[in-house]
Amino acid sequence: MSPTVAVAFPFVVLAGVGEMVTTASGQALLQLSAPKAMRGRVASLMQFYPALISLGSVVVGIGADLMGARGITLATIGAALLAGAFMIVTAPQLSTLRASTLQSKAE
């Protein structure tokens, strides 16, 4: 993938920052979209997130053994693009979702 660690490192840092922003935003939107009485239950479901990351790591690790690092990277990118396209087609209202409107609806 990358010829040296020095070339890969900035991209890994950038990916980590992007993951933190995405996670924080997603959790905030999820909690704001839930009714006040259900926020505790919604927060408890967020505990599945680390478990799903671990499960994904196992799947990608097995895929890397079978397809190689480049193959599983391309397959993962393809799966993410398909999932994004599916969400755009099946739930177009997600593209106009705003946190400011969620808070007033949830109360």
C-alpha atoms as a PDB file:
ATOM      1  CA  MET A   1       0.000   0.000   0.000  1.00  0.00           C
ATOM      2  CA  SER A   2       2.411   2.681   1.196  1.00  0.00           C
ATOM      3  CA  PRO A   3       6.100   2.596   0.352  1.00  0.00           C
ATOM      4  CA  THR A   4       7.178   3.789   3.824  1.00  0.00           C
ATOM      5  CA  VAL A   5       5.777   4.403   7.276  1.00  0.00           C
ATOM      6  CA  ALA A   6       6.547   8.120   6.890  1.00  0.00           C
ATOM      7  CA  VAL A   7       4.195   8.310   3.897  1.00  0.00           C
ATOM      8  CA  ALA A   8       1.456   6.292   5.620  1.00  0.00           C
ATOM      9  CA  PHE A   9       1.557   8.052   9.005  1.00  0.00           C
ATOM     10  CA  PRO A  10      -0.166  11.342   8.026  1.00  0.00           C
ATOM     11  CA  PHE A  11      -2.968   9.394   6.364  1.00  0.00           C
ATOM     12  CA  VAL A  12      -3.458   7.238   9.453  1.00  0.00           C
ATOM     13  CA  VAL A  13      -3.638  10.363  11.618  1.00  0.00           C
ATOM     14  CA  LEU A  14      -6.145  11.924   9.221  1.00  0.00           C
ATOM     15  CA  ALA A  15      -8.260   8.745   9.264  1.00  0.00           C
ATOM     16  CA  GLY A  16      -8.204   8.711  13.082  1.00  0.00           C
ATOM     17  CA  VAL A  17      -9.349  12.324  13.293  1.00  0.00           C
ATOM     18  CA  GLY A  18     -12.109  11.629  10.783  1.00  0.00           C
ATOM     19  CA  GLU A  19     -13.248   8.592  12.760  1.00  0.00           C
ATOM     20  CA  MET A  20     -13.411  10.596  16.000  1.00  0.00           C
ATOM     21  CA  VAL A  21     -15.448  13.379  14.379  1.00  0.00           C
ATOM     22  CA  THR A  22     -17.802  10.888  12.756  1.00  0.00           C
ATOM     23  CA  THR A  23     -18.293   8.935  15.973  1.00  0.00           C
ATOM     24  CA  ALA A  24     -18.959  12.021  18.102  1.00  0.00           C
ATOM     25  CA  SER A  25     -21.366  13.481  15.545  1.00  0.00           C
ATOM     26  CA  GLY A  26     -23.185  10.187  15.079  1.00  0.00           C
ATOM     27  CA  GLN A  27     -23.650   9.641  18.793  1.00  0.00           C
ATOM     28  CA  ALA A  28     -24.888  13.202  19.299  1.00  0.00           C
ATOM     29  CA  LEU A  29     -27.393  12.893  16.454  1.00  0.00           C
ATOM     30  CA  LEU A  30     -28.574   9.521  17.714  1.00  0.00           C
ATOM     31  CA  GLN A  31     -29.190  10.840  21.220  1.00  0.00           C
ATOM     32  CA  LEU A  32     -30.861  14.022  19.984  1.00  0.00           C
ATOM     33  CA  SER A  33     -33.198  12.072  17.725  1.00  0.00           C
ATOM     34  CA  ALA A  34     -34.436   9.872  20.568  1.00  0.00           C
ATOM     35  CA  PRO A  35     -37.308  11.017  22.794  1.00  0.00           C
ATOM     36  CA  LYS A  36     -36.164  12.155  26.245  1.00  0.00           C
ATOM     37  CA  ALA A  37     -37.667   9.098  27.935  1.00  0.00           C
ATOM     38  CA  MET A  38     -35.703   6.760  25.653  1.00  0.00           C
ATOM     39  CA  ARG A  39     -32.258   8.428  25.729  1.00  0.00           C
ATOM     40  CA  GLY A  40     -30.892   6.066  28.370  1.00  0.00           C
ATOM     41  CA  ARG A  41     -31.911   3.049  26.325  1.00  0.00           C
ATOM     42  CA  VAL A  42     -30.407   4.554  23.190  1.00  0.00           C
ATOM     43  CA  ALA A  43     -27.173   5.280  25.057  1.00  0.00           C
ATOM     44  CA  SER A  44     -27.022   1.647  26.187  1.00  0.00           C
ATOM     45  CA  LEU A  45     -27.189   0.510  22.551  1.00  0.00           C
ATOM     46  CA  MET A  46     -24.064   2.542  21.836  1.00  0.00           C
ATOM     47  CA  GLN A  47     -22.118  -0.065  23.793  1.00  0.00           C
ATOM     48  CA  PHE A  48     -22.418  -2.324  20.750  1.00  0.00           C
ATOM     49  CA  TYR A  49     -20.159   0.014  18.763  1.00  0.00           C
ATOM     50  CA  PRO A  50     -16.817  -1.306  20.132  1.00  0.00           C
ATOM     51  CA  ALA A  51     -18.027  -4.887  19.708  1.00  0.00           C
ATOM     52  CA  LEU A  52     -18.933  -4.242  16.086  1.00  0.00           C
ATOM     53  CA  ILE A  53     -15.511  -2.710  15.453  1.00  0.00           C
ATOM     54  CA  SER A  54     -13.921  -5.896  16.819  1.00  0.00           C
ATOM     55  CA  LEU A  55     -16.187  -8.065  14.684  1.00  0.00           C
ATOM     56  CA  GLY A  56     -15.307  -6.001  11.621  1.00  0.00           C
ATOM     57  CA  SER A  57     -11.613  -6.430  12.376  1.00  0.00           C
ATOM     58  CA  VAL A  58     -12.013 -10.209  12.435  1.00  0.00           C
ATOM     59  CA  VAL A  59     -13.892 -10.171   9.115  1.00  0.00           C
ATOM     60  CA  VAL A  60     -11.330  -7.882   7.473  1.00  0.00           C
ATOM     61  CA  GLY A  61      -8.465  -9.967   8.874  1.00  0.00           C
ATOM     62  CA  ILE A  62      -9.902 -13.143   7.372  1.00  0.00           C
ATOM     63  CA  GLY A  63     -10.539 -11.278   4.116  1.00  0.00           C
ATOM     64  CA  ALA A  64      -6.934 -10.064   4.055  1.00  0.00           C
ATOM     65  CA  ASP A  65      -5.724 -13.648   4.412  1.00  0.00           C
ATOM     66  CA  LEU A  66      -7.929 -14.722   1.520  1.00  0.00           C
ATOM     67  CA  MET A  67      -7.653 -11.713  -0.821  1.00  0.00           C
ATOM     68  CA  GLY A  68      -4.525  -9.899   0.312  1.00  0.00           C
ATOM     69  CA  ALA A  69      -4.319  -6.404   1.791  1.00  0.00           C
ATOM     70  CA  ARG A  70      -5.115  -4.580  -1.444  1.00  0.00           C
ATOM     71  CA  GLY A  71      -8.001  -6.881  -2.279  1.00  0.00           C
ATOM     72  CA  ILE A  72      -9.716  -6.501   1.091  1.00  0.00           C
ATOM     73  CA  THR A  73      -9.118  -2.743   1.033  1.00  0.00           C
ATOM     74  CA  LEU A  74     -10.841  -2.452  -2.344  1.00  0.00           C
ATOM     75  CA  ALA A  75     -13.642  -4.783  -1.229  1.00  0.00           C
ATOM     76  CA  THR A  76     -14.191  -2.728   1.932  1.00  0.00           C
ATOM     77  CA  ILE A  77     -14.250   0.527  -0.032  1.00  0.00           C
ATOM     78  CA  GLY A  78     -16.751  -0.993  -2.444  1.00  0.00           C
ATOM     79  CA  ALA A  79     -18.964  -2.192   0.409  1.00  0.00           C
ATOM     80  CA  ALA A  80     -18.887   1.266   2.030  1.00  0.00           C
ATOM     81  CA  LEU A  81     -19.801   2.960  -1.248  1.00  0.00           C
ATOM     82  CA  LEU A  82     -22.667   0.520  -1.792  1.00  0.00           C
ATOM     83  CA  ALA A  83     -23.936   1.060   1.758  1.00  0.00           C
ATOM     84  CA  GLY A  84     -23.802   4.834   1.274  1.00  0.00           C
ATOM     85  CA  ALA A  85     -25.636   4.624  -2.048  1.00  0.00           C
ATOM     86  CA  PHE A  86     -28.258   2.351  -0.477  1.00  0.00           C
ATOM     87  CA  MET A  87     -28.839   4.861   2.328  1.00  0.00           C
ATOM     88  CA  ILE A  88     -29.141   7.749  -0.115  1.00  0.00           C
ATOM     89  CA  VAL A  89     -31.709   5.855  -2.194  1.00  0.00           C
ATOM     90  CA  THR A  90     -33.760   4.398   0.656  1.00  0.00           C
ATOM     91  CA  ALA A  91     -33.596   7.292   3.145  1.00  0.00           C
ATOM     92  CA  PRO A  92     -33.137  10.597   1.282  1.00  0.00           C
ATOM     93  CA  GLN A  93     -34.294  12.520   4.357  1.00  0.00           C
ATOM     94  CA  LEU A  94     -30.920  11.749   5.980  1.00  0.00           C
ATOM     95  CA  SER A  95     -29.223  14.266   3.678  1.00  0.00           C
ATOM     96  CA  THR A  96     -31.282  17.097   5.194  1.00  0.00           C
ATOM     97  CA  LEU A  97     -30.998  15.952   8.825  1.00  0.00           C
ATOM     98  CA  ARG A  98     -29.931  18.778  11.152  1.00  0.00           C
ATOM     99  CA  ALA A  99     -29.176  18.551  14.847  1.00  0.00           C
ATOM    100  CA  SER A 100     -31.024  21.807  15.532  1.00  0.00           C
ATOM    101  CA  THR A 101     -34.308  20.310  14.351  1.00  0.00           C
ATOM    102  CA  LEU A 102     -33.793  16.996  16.143  1.00  0.00           C
ATOM    103  CA  GLN A 103     -33.584  18.536  19.594  1.00  0.00           C
ATOM    104  CA  SER A 104     -36.950  20.264  19.296  1.00  0.00           C
ATOM    105  CA  LYS A 105     -38.630  17.110  17.912  1.00  0.00           C
ATOM    106  CA  ALA A 106     -37.264  14.808  20.625  1.00  0.00           C
ATOM    107  CA  GLU A 107     -38.672  16.863  23.506  1.00  0.00           C
END
